[in-house]
Each structure stands twice: as structure tokens, then as C-alpha cells.
Amino acid sequence: MPFQKIHADRLSDAVVKQFELLILRGILRPGERLPAEREMADRMGVSRPSLRDAIAQLQEAGLLTPKASSGIFVADVLGSAFSDPLIDLFSRHDEALFDYLTFRRDLEGMAAARAARLGTDTDLKVISAIYDQMKQAHDDRDAEAEAALDANFHMSIVEAAHNVVMLHMMRSMFGMLKAGVFYNRQVMFKTHTTRQSLLAQHKAILDAILTRDPDAARKAVEDHLSFVEACMHDDRQVQQNETVAKMRLEHETGRDV
């Protein structure tokens, strides 16, 4: 775990600050279970009473939450970014889907440009590693794993941009994406041709970031999400066409379809 030795007059305050920074920077993630109390105290070089005091402060602040018989977890603070009624409203209207894609295109284009310019060598290794896993899932024809790694790939770029506001906003957005609020990601993997195109687009994003070309990285992301948007438009059109076709068939045969 990413804890460091503590040196301060009031140790519990220093522990609180370290936890706050780890959560702010996205190193400790929502829903993540903390290690055992003894392990954390040893890693930080503080007494267990000081650690307990800090954890109590963090629980009161809503950043940590206890679960009976399970331990202490990082609070799912991102869940409050959008109210449940608003999330439910998003899920019922295509307007929200396409506005979401526009939002992602703008913000992720900026993130990719920042990652190319400001990302560390280690950041770029993380992005490359996730792409390699995604390619393996593609080769294995594991569409479910490929879709999950697709989301992780995009989040790794946002993390490499090193902007904490952007990071938490996008984590919230991707949480809804993974929950299927905006669209079923399997729609994007219906055909081998589409899956191959998506993989190639991710490779273009990766290459632009690895060569540290901010303009090319931004354009690669924008091209990719424009392709996604076009696919979603086509899927919606096919659904509408099928409805009309069924009405025609019902009319011609006199039977419900």
C-alpha cells in the first residue's frame, strides 16, 4: 500500500492529511478496503491510537466508512456527484447519451494532450500495459473483458493527465458507464470489423501519447469517440427501422410479430 512514514507534532493530523491526499489524487479508490490497522500503523510509523483517531476524523468527514465484519473502506464519494433521480433520467433518454459522448470527447481529448505532455514514464507504462491486456482480450475473443479494459484504458489516460478535478469527474462518469446507464457497451462489439476498428483507434491514441505529441493524442481521442457516436447513431437507427419493418410484416400477414 502507498503509505509513508509520518513525522509531525500531532500524528493523527498528519495521518488525516496523508489519507486525504491519497484519496484526492485517486490512489486510494472509492470502495477500496483499507489494510489491517496494525499494517497501516507500521507502514506509517505511528501508534495504533493515533491511527484510530485519524480514521475517526476521516469517517466523520465522510471519506472513510466502516462495514460490519468487513473493515474500513474508502467512501464511495463519487456516488454523490449525480443524484439517483438524475441518473435514472439519463438512462431513459438518448439526448443524455449523445451529450455524454460530446462531454467525453472534449474532456478526454484534453486529458490525452496533457498525458502526452505531462505524463511520467511510469504513467505511459501503465497505459501501455492496459492496452496490451485489451489486445490480448481481443485476440481471445473475450468481448466482456475487452470492454472492461477499454474503460480502464481511458481512465489510465485521465490519471496520467494529473488533474485531480478531471480525475474525479471522469471516475464518476465512468462509474455510470460501467453500470450501463448511458449505453450497453456490448453494442460496440457486435461485429468483428467494429471491434478491430476500435482496437486500432486505441492503438493510435497510445502511439500519440507515447511519442508525446499532444495534438495527435487529442485528435486520436476525438476521432475515436466520434466513431463511437456514429456507431450509436447507427444502432438507434437500426432499432427504429426494425420497429417499422415489424409493423409492415404485421400489416402484410395479419399476425402480431
Protein backbone atom coordinates (compact mmCIF):
# COMPACT_ATOMS: atom_id res chain seq x y z
CA MET A 1 0.00 0.00 0.00
CA PRO A 2 1.20 3.56 -0.71
CA PHE A 3 1.67 4.74 2.88
CA GLN A 4 4.76 6.63 4.11
CA LYS A 5 6.38 7.28 7.48
CA ILE A 6 4.75 10.12 9.44
CA HIS A 7 6.73 12.91 11.14
CA ALA A 8 4.64 15.60 12.84
CA ASP A 9 3.73 17.14 16.20
CA ARG A 10 0.19 15.75 16.16
CA LEU A 11 0.46 12.45 14.36
CA SER A 12 -3.25 11.94 13.79
CA ASP A 13 -3.47 15.22 11.82
CA ALA A 14 -0.59 14.11 9.60
CA VAL A 15 -2.27 10.75 9.06
CA VAL A 16 -5.50 12.51 8.08
CA LYS A 17 -3.63 14.69 5.60
CA GLN A 18 -1.91 11.68 4.01
CA PHE A 19 -5.23 9.86 3.60
CA GLU A 20 -6.83 12.99 2.14
CA LEU A 21 -4.08 13.35 -0.45
CA LEU A 22 -4.21 9.65 -1.38
CA ILE A 23 -7.97 9.93 -1.94
CA LEU A 24 -7.72 13.29 -3.71
CA ARG A 25 -5.08 12.00 -6.10
CA GLY A 26 -7.09 8.89 -6.86
CA ILE A 27 -4.52 6.48 -5.41
CA LEU A 28 -6.99 5.17 -2.84
CA ARG A 29 -10.15 4.50 -4.81
CA PRO A 30 -13.83 4.55 -3.82
CA GLY A 31 -14.88 1.22 -2.34
CA GLU A 32 -11.30 0.09 -1.67
CA ARG A 33 -10.80 -1.80 1.58
CA LEU A 34 -8.04 -0.49 3.85
CA PRO A 35 -5.37 -2.87 5.17
CA ALA A 36 -5.47 -4.12 8.75
CA GLU A 37 -4.90 -1.49 11.43
CA ARG A 38 -1.57 -2.99 12.51
CA GLU A 39 -0.21 -2.98 8.96
CA MET A 40 -1.19 0.65 8.34
CA ALA A 41 0.27 1.78 11.66
CA ASP A 42 3.55 0.00 10.90
CA ARG A 43 3.78 1.43 7.40
CA MET A 44 3.17 4.97 8.62
CA GLY A 45 5.30 4.63 11.73
CA VAL A 46 2.54 5.79 14.07
CA SER A 47 0.82 4.29 17.09
CA ARG A 48 -2.46 2.48 16.64
CA PRO A 49 -4.31 5.04 18.87
CA SER A 50 -3.08 7.87 16.58
CA LEU A 51 -4.24 5.91 13.55
CA ARG A 52 -7.62 5.23 15.13
CA ASP A 53 -8.05 8.93 15.90
CA ALA A 54 -7.27 9.82 12.28
CA ILE A 55 -9.66 7.19 10.92
CA ALA A 56 -12.41 8.51 13.20
CA GLN A 57 -11.85 12.02 11.82
CA LEU A 58 -11.96 10.71 8.25
CA GLN A 59 -15.16 8.77 8.93
CA GLU A 60 -16.75 11.88 10.39
CA ALA A 61 -15.70 13.79 7.25
CA GLY A 62 -17.37 11.13 5.08
CA LEU A 63 -14.16 9.97 3.37
CA LEU A 64 -13.95 6.56 5.06
CA THR A 65 -16.78 4.26 6.01
CA PRO A 66 -16.89 1.16 8.25
CA LYS A 67 -18.67 -2.02 7.23
CA ALA A 68 -19.67 -4.50 9.89
CA SER A 69 -17.36 -7.53 9.99
CA SER A 70 -15.61 -6.31 6.83
CA GLY A 71 -13.33 -3.43 7.83
CA ILE A 72 -12.84 0.19 6.81
CA PHE A 73 -13.40 1.27 3.21
CA VAL A 74 -12.82 4.39 1.16
CA ALA A 75 -16.25 6.00 0.88
CA ASP A 76 -17.96 5.98 -2.49
CA VAL A 77 -17.93 9.76 -2.54
CA LEU A 78 -18.38 9.78 -6.32
CA GLY A 79 -21.88 8.45 -5.92
CA SER A 80 -22.99 11.90 -4.80
CA ALA A 81 -21.82 13.59 -8.00
CA PHE A 82 -25.21 12.88 -9.59
CA SER A 83 -28.46 12.29 -7.73
CA ASP A 84 -30.28 8.98 -8.24
CA PRO A 85 -33.27 10.66 -9.95
CA LEU A 86 -30.93 12.39 -12.40
CA ILE A 87 -29.06 9.15 -13.15
CA ASP A 88 -32.40 7.43 -13.76
CA LEU A 89 -33.41 10.26 -16.07
CA PHE A 90 -30.15 9.94 -18.01
CA SER A 91 -30.78 6.23 -18.56
CA ARG A 92 -34.13 6.85 -20.27
CA HIS A 93 -33.16 9.48 -22.85
CA ASP A 94 -30.82 9.29 -25.85
CA GLU A 95 -30.15 13.03 -25.57
CA ALA A 96 -28.14 12.31 -22.43
CA LEU A 97 -26.19 9.57 -24.21
CA PHE A 98 -25.02 11.82 -27.02
CA ASP A 99 -24.33 14.77 -24.71
CA TYR A 100 -22.27 12.35 -22.62
CA LEU A 101 -20.21 11.34 -25.65
CA THR A 102 -19.65 15.01 -26.54
CA PHE A 103 -18.54 15.72 -22.98
CA ARG A 104 -16.14 12.78 -23.06
CA ARG A 105 -14.73 13.81 -26.43
CA ASP A 106 -13.94 17.31 -25.18
CA LEU A 107 -12.58 16.35 -21.78
CA GLU A 108 -10.71 13.19 -22.78
CA GLY A 109 -9.14 15.00 -25.73
CA MET A 110 -7.75 17.48 -23.23
CA ALA A 111 -6.67 14.65 -20.91
CA ALA A 112 -4.83 12.84 -23.71
CA ALA A 113 -2.99 16.02 -24.68
CA ARG A 114 -1.99 16.56 -21.04
CA ALA A 115 -0.91 12.93 -20.70
CA ALA A 116 1.32 13.25 -23.76
CA ARG A 117 2.84 16.43 -22.35
CA LEU A 118 2.88 15.86 -18.58
CA GLY A 119 2.55 12.12 -18.02
CA THR A 120 5.55 10.40 -16.46
CA ASP A 121 7.31 7.43 -17.99
CA THR A 122 5.56 5.26 -15.42
CA ASP A 123 2.15 6.68 -16.41
CA LEU A 124 2.87 5.72 -20.01
CA LYS A 125 3.89 2.20 -18.97
CA VAL A 126 0.53 1.81 -17.21
CA ILE A 127 -1.38 2.92 -20.31
CA SER A 128 0.69 0.56 -22.48
CA ALA A 129 0.14 -2.37 -20.11
CA ILE A 130 -3.63 -1.89 -20.17
CA TYR A 131 -3.61 -1.67 -23.96
CA ASP A 132 -1.64 -4.93 -24.14
CA GLN A 133 -4.25 -6.61 -21.92
CA MET A 134 -7.04 -5.22 -24.11
CA LYS A 135 -5.34 -6.57 -27.23
CA GLN A 136 -4.99 -9.99 -25.61
CA ALA A 137 -8.70 -9.98 -24.72
CA HIS A 138 -9.43 -9.01 -28.33
CA ASP A 139 -7.29 -11.87 -29.65
CA ASP A 140 -9.03 -14.24 -27.22
CA ARG A 141 -12.44 -13.00 -28.46
CA ASP A 142 -13.37 -12.11 -24.89
CA ALA A 143 -15.65 -9.16 -25.63
CA GLU A 144 -16.65 -8.65 -22.00
CA ALA A 145 -13.04 -8.37 -20.80
CA GLU A 146 -12.15 -6.21 -23.78
CA ALA A 147 -14.97 -3.78 -22.98
CA ALA A 148 -13.90 -3.52 -19.32
CA LEU A 149 -10.28 -2.93 -20.32
CA ASP A 150 -11.43 -0.30 -22.82
CA ALA A 151 -12.85 1.74 -19.92
CA ASN A 152 -9.68 1.16 -17.86
CA PHE A 153 -7.55 2.33 -20.79
CA HIS A 154 -9.40 5.64 -20.98
CA MET A 155 -9.23 6.12 -17.21
CA SER A 156 -5.47 5.48 -17.22
CA ILE A 157 -5.10 8.38 -19.65
CA VAL A 158 -7.15 10.65 -17.38
CA GLU A 159 -4.97 9.58 -14.44
CA ALA A 160 -1.84 10.38 -16.48
CA ALA A 161 -3.17 13.91 -17.06
CA HIS A 162 -2.57 14.64 -13.34
CA ASN A 163 -5.56 16.92 -12.78
CA VAL A 164 -7.47 15.82 -9.68
CA VAL A 165 -10.74 17.59 -10.59
CA MET A 166 -10.77 15.96 -14.02
CA LEU A 167 -9.87 12.62 -12.45
CA HIS A 168 -12.78 12.51 -10.01
CA MET A 169 -15.26 13.88 -12.53
CA MET A 170 -14.32 11.24 -15.08
CA ARG A 171 -14.34 8.45 -12.50
CA SER A 172 -17.90 9.42 -11.69
CA MET A 173 -18.81 9.40 -15.39
CA PHE A 174 -17.14 6.04 -15.98
CA GLY A 175 -18.91 4.60 -12.96
CA MET A 176 -22.22 5.27 -14.69
CA LEU A 177 -20.83 3.94 -17.96
CA LYS A 178 -19.82 0.63 -16.37
CA ALA A 179 -23.24 0.41 -14.74
CA GLY A 180 -24.83 0.60 -18.18
CA VAL A 181 -26.56 3.92 -17.52
CA PHE A 182 -25.57 5.55 -20.78
CA TYR A 183 -25.38 2.60 -23.13
CA ASN A 184 -24.71 -1.10 -23.26
CA ARG A 185 -21.05 -1.25 -24.24
CA GLN A 186 -21.62 -4.61 -25.90
CA VAL A 187 -23.38 -2.72 -28.70
CA MET A 188 -19.92 -1.59 -29.73
CA PHE A 189 -18.69 -5.17 -30.07
CA LYS A 190 -21.38 -6.68 -32.27
CA THR A 191 -19.14 -7.27 -35.28
CA HIS A 192 -15.51 -8.24 -35.71
CA THR A 193 -15.00 -5.26 -38.02
CA THR A 194 -16.14 -2.80 -35.36
CA ARG A 195 -14.02 -4.46 -32.68
CA GLN A 196 -10.97 -4.36 -34.93
CA SER A 197 -11.56 -0.67 -35.70
CA LEU A 198 -11.88 0.16 -32.01
CA LEU A 199 -8.65 -1.64 -31.19
CA ALA A 200 -6.83 0.23 -33.96
CA GLN A 201 -8.19 3.53 -32.64
CA HIS A 202 -6.90 2.77 -29.15
CA LYS A 203 -3.51 1.91 -30.63
CA ALA A 204 -3.47 5.30 -32.38
CA ILE A 205 -4.22 7.03 -29.06
CA LEU A 206 -1.47 5.06 -27.33
CA ASP A 207 1.10 5.77 -30.06
CA ALA A 208 0.39 9.51 -29.98
CA ILE A 209 0.83 9.62 -26.20
CA LEU A 210 4.00 7.50 -26.30
CA THR A 211 5.53 9.84 -28.88
CA ARG A 212 4.46 12.75 -26.64
CA ASP A 213 2.52 14.51 -29.38
CA PRO A 214 -0.31 16.41 -27.60
CA ASP A 215 -2.10 17.47 -30.79
CA ALA A 216 -2.06 13.95 -32.24
CA ALA A 217 -3.22 12.49 -28.91
CA ARG A 218 -6.16 14.88 -28.72
CA LYS A 219 -7.16 14.17 -32.33
CA ALA A 220 -6.88 10.40 -31.86
CA VAL A 221 -9.28 10.55 -28.90
CA GLU A 222 -11.68 12.83 -30.73
CA ASP A 223 -11.67 10.55 -33.81
CA HIS A 224 -12.29 7.51 -31.63
CA LEU A 225 -15.25 8.99 -29.75
CA SER A 226 -16.72 10.38 -32.97
CA PHE A 227 -16.62 6.81 -34.30
CA VAL A 228 -18.38 5.57 -31.15
CA GLU A 229 -21.03 8.26 -31.56
CA ALA A 230 -21.61 7.27 -35.20
CA CYS A 231 -21.98 3.61 -34.20
CA MET A 232 -24.52 4.50 -31.54
CA HIS A 233 -26.48 6.61 -34.03
CA ASP A 234 -26.48 3.67 -36.45
CA ASP A 235 -27.67 1.30 -33.73
CA ARG A 236 -30.53 3.61 -32.82
CA GLN A 237 -31.48 3.88 -36.50
CA VAL A 238 -31.46 0.10 -36.91
CA GLN A 239 -33.76 -0.23 -33.90
CA GLN A 240 -36.18 2.28 -35.42
CA ASN A 241 -36.02 0.54 -38.80
CA GLU A 242 -36.79 -2.82 -37.16
CA THR A 243 -39.88 -1.35 -35.50
CA VAL A 244 -41.14 -0.10 -38.86
CA ALA A 245 -40.31 -3.41 -40.56
CA LYS A 246 -42.27 -5.35 -37.94
CA MET A 247 -45.27 -3.07 -38.48
CA ARG A 248 -45.10 -3.74 -42.23
CA LEU A 249 -44.85 -7.50 -41.68
CA GLU A 250 -47.77 -7.44 -39.25
CA HIS A 251 -49.83 -5.49 -41.79
CA GLU A 252 -48.99 -7.89 -44.63
CA THR A 253 -49.56 -11.12 -42.70
CA GLY A 254 -52.31 -10.02 -40.36
CA ARG A 255 -50.42 -11.58 -37.45
CA ASP A 256 -48.71 -9.98 -34.44
CA VAL A 257 -44.92 -10.01 -34.74
